[in-house]
Amino acid sequence: MTESAAAPARTPEEEHPLRAVVLAGGLTFEREVSLSSGTQVVEELSRAGLDAELRDADAELLPGLAAAPADAVFIALHGATGEDGALRAVLDLAGLPYVGSPAAACRLAWDKPAAKSVVRSAGLTTPDWVALPHSTFRELGAGTVLDLMVARLGLPLMVKPASGGSALGVQKISRVEDLPAAMVSCFAYGDTVMVERFVEGVEVALAVVDLGDGPQALPAVEIAPESGVFDYTSRYTPGLTEYHAPARIPDDVAARAAALAVRVHEVLGLADLSRTDAMITPDGEIHFLEVNVSPGLTETSMFPMAVEAAGHDLGDVIAQLLAGRAGRAR
């Protein structure tokens, strides 16, 4: 009587699947987008064989993590809660490993004018801008300040909050008379507004991921909004924007765009993953617009499009990032 073949030994990961907590929700204007991202991440991780739990960033978070520790945390929070560095600083205090950029780098990336200053100092191109708090307009006279801004930057202009995501408050202004109302609308999302010279061209999202061998750029995703401006409505209304992954740009331009995204990731001190938004002019010049340390991860978000265009599986990529953080913590 022959003995049956011995069953293959199970790996530690199979015996004890990595336990991940995915943070989503928060109390910002981007709560619903964040919940969609978080739900998608949990589904992807579950398919990848991980034990993943969705949690909100509320008063129950730290006691819950203390009672049931996670091997690593994935932050799918958008807006200030997940991107201004404060939550990450608390996770650092609690000794909880997380995927993503450190708190100080997040604070820098969250402040769009500050990030643009660092990027420009590194020799990269970004549109000219002016960023001013509401108090400046109130104290010096809105009309005079706006006239100076138009004289300096010209028209058209992009008006946007100095911090924030999901294109909330973003408007393209082509007429001087429309600028005051745009400023008032923008101040609803923050105390400081950034007014930027509008750059005509092809907008691209440039995802970067570091799976242990250094930051690598994924294929660019081209954004083609029907209105010509990728604002909140164009971003979240089905049918108003077409996406092309990879972007329909020449190979040499794609290579330079990828290099720019990696350079931004490095000079701002980012880690694990990021998404740089840029504009490519008709003559192939690439302008940095802003960077996102917690990019959207819904079914229609640009980071997953880039991952798919690179031939990767989103769940596997996130699982590798979590495993890397859990390993470093051990």
Foldseek 3Di string as FASTA:
>chain_A
DDDDDDDDDDDPCVVPPAEEEEEAADDAPCRVLLVQQRVLLCVLQVVVPHRYHYDYPDPVVVVVCVVPPGLEYEYSYFWCVRQLLPVQVVCVVVLHFYFKFHSQLSNQQQQQVSLQVLLVVVVAAAFDKDKDFPVCCVVVPVVVVLVVVCVVQPDFKWKAASGGDLQQLIDTRGDSVCVVVSVVRRCVRHRMMMIGRDADAWKWKWKWFCLPPAIFIFAIKTKAFQVRDSHNCSLPPPPRIDIDVRDPDDPVLRVVVRVSVSVSCVSSRMHGMKMWMWGAHPVSRIHTRGMGGNFRRHPSGDVCSRCVSRVHRPNVSVSSSSVVRSVVSD
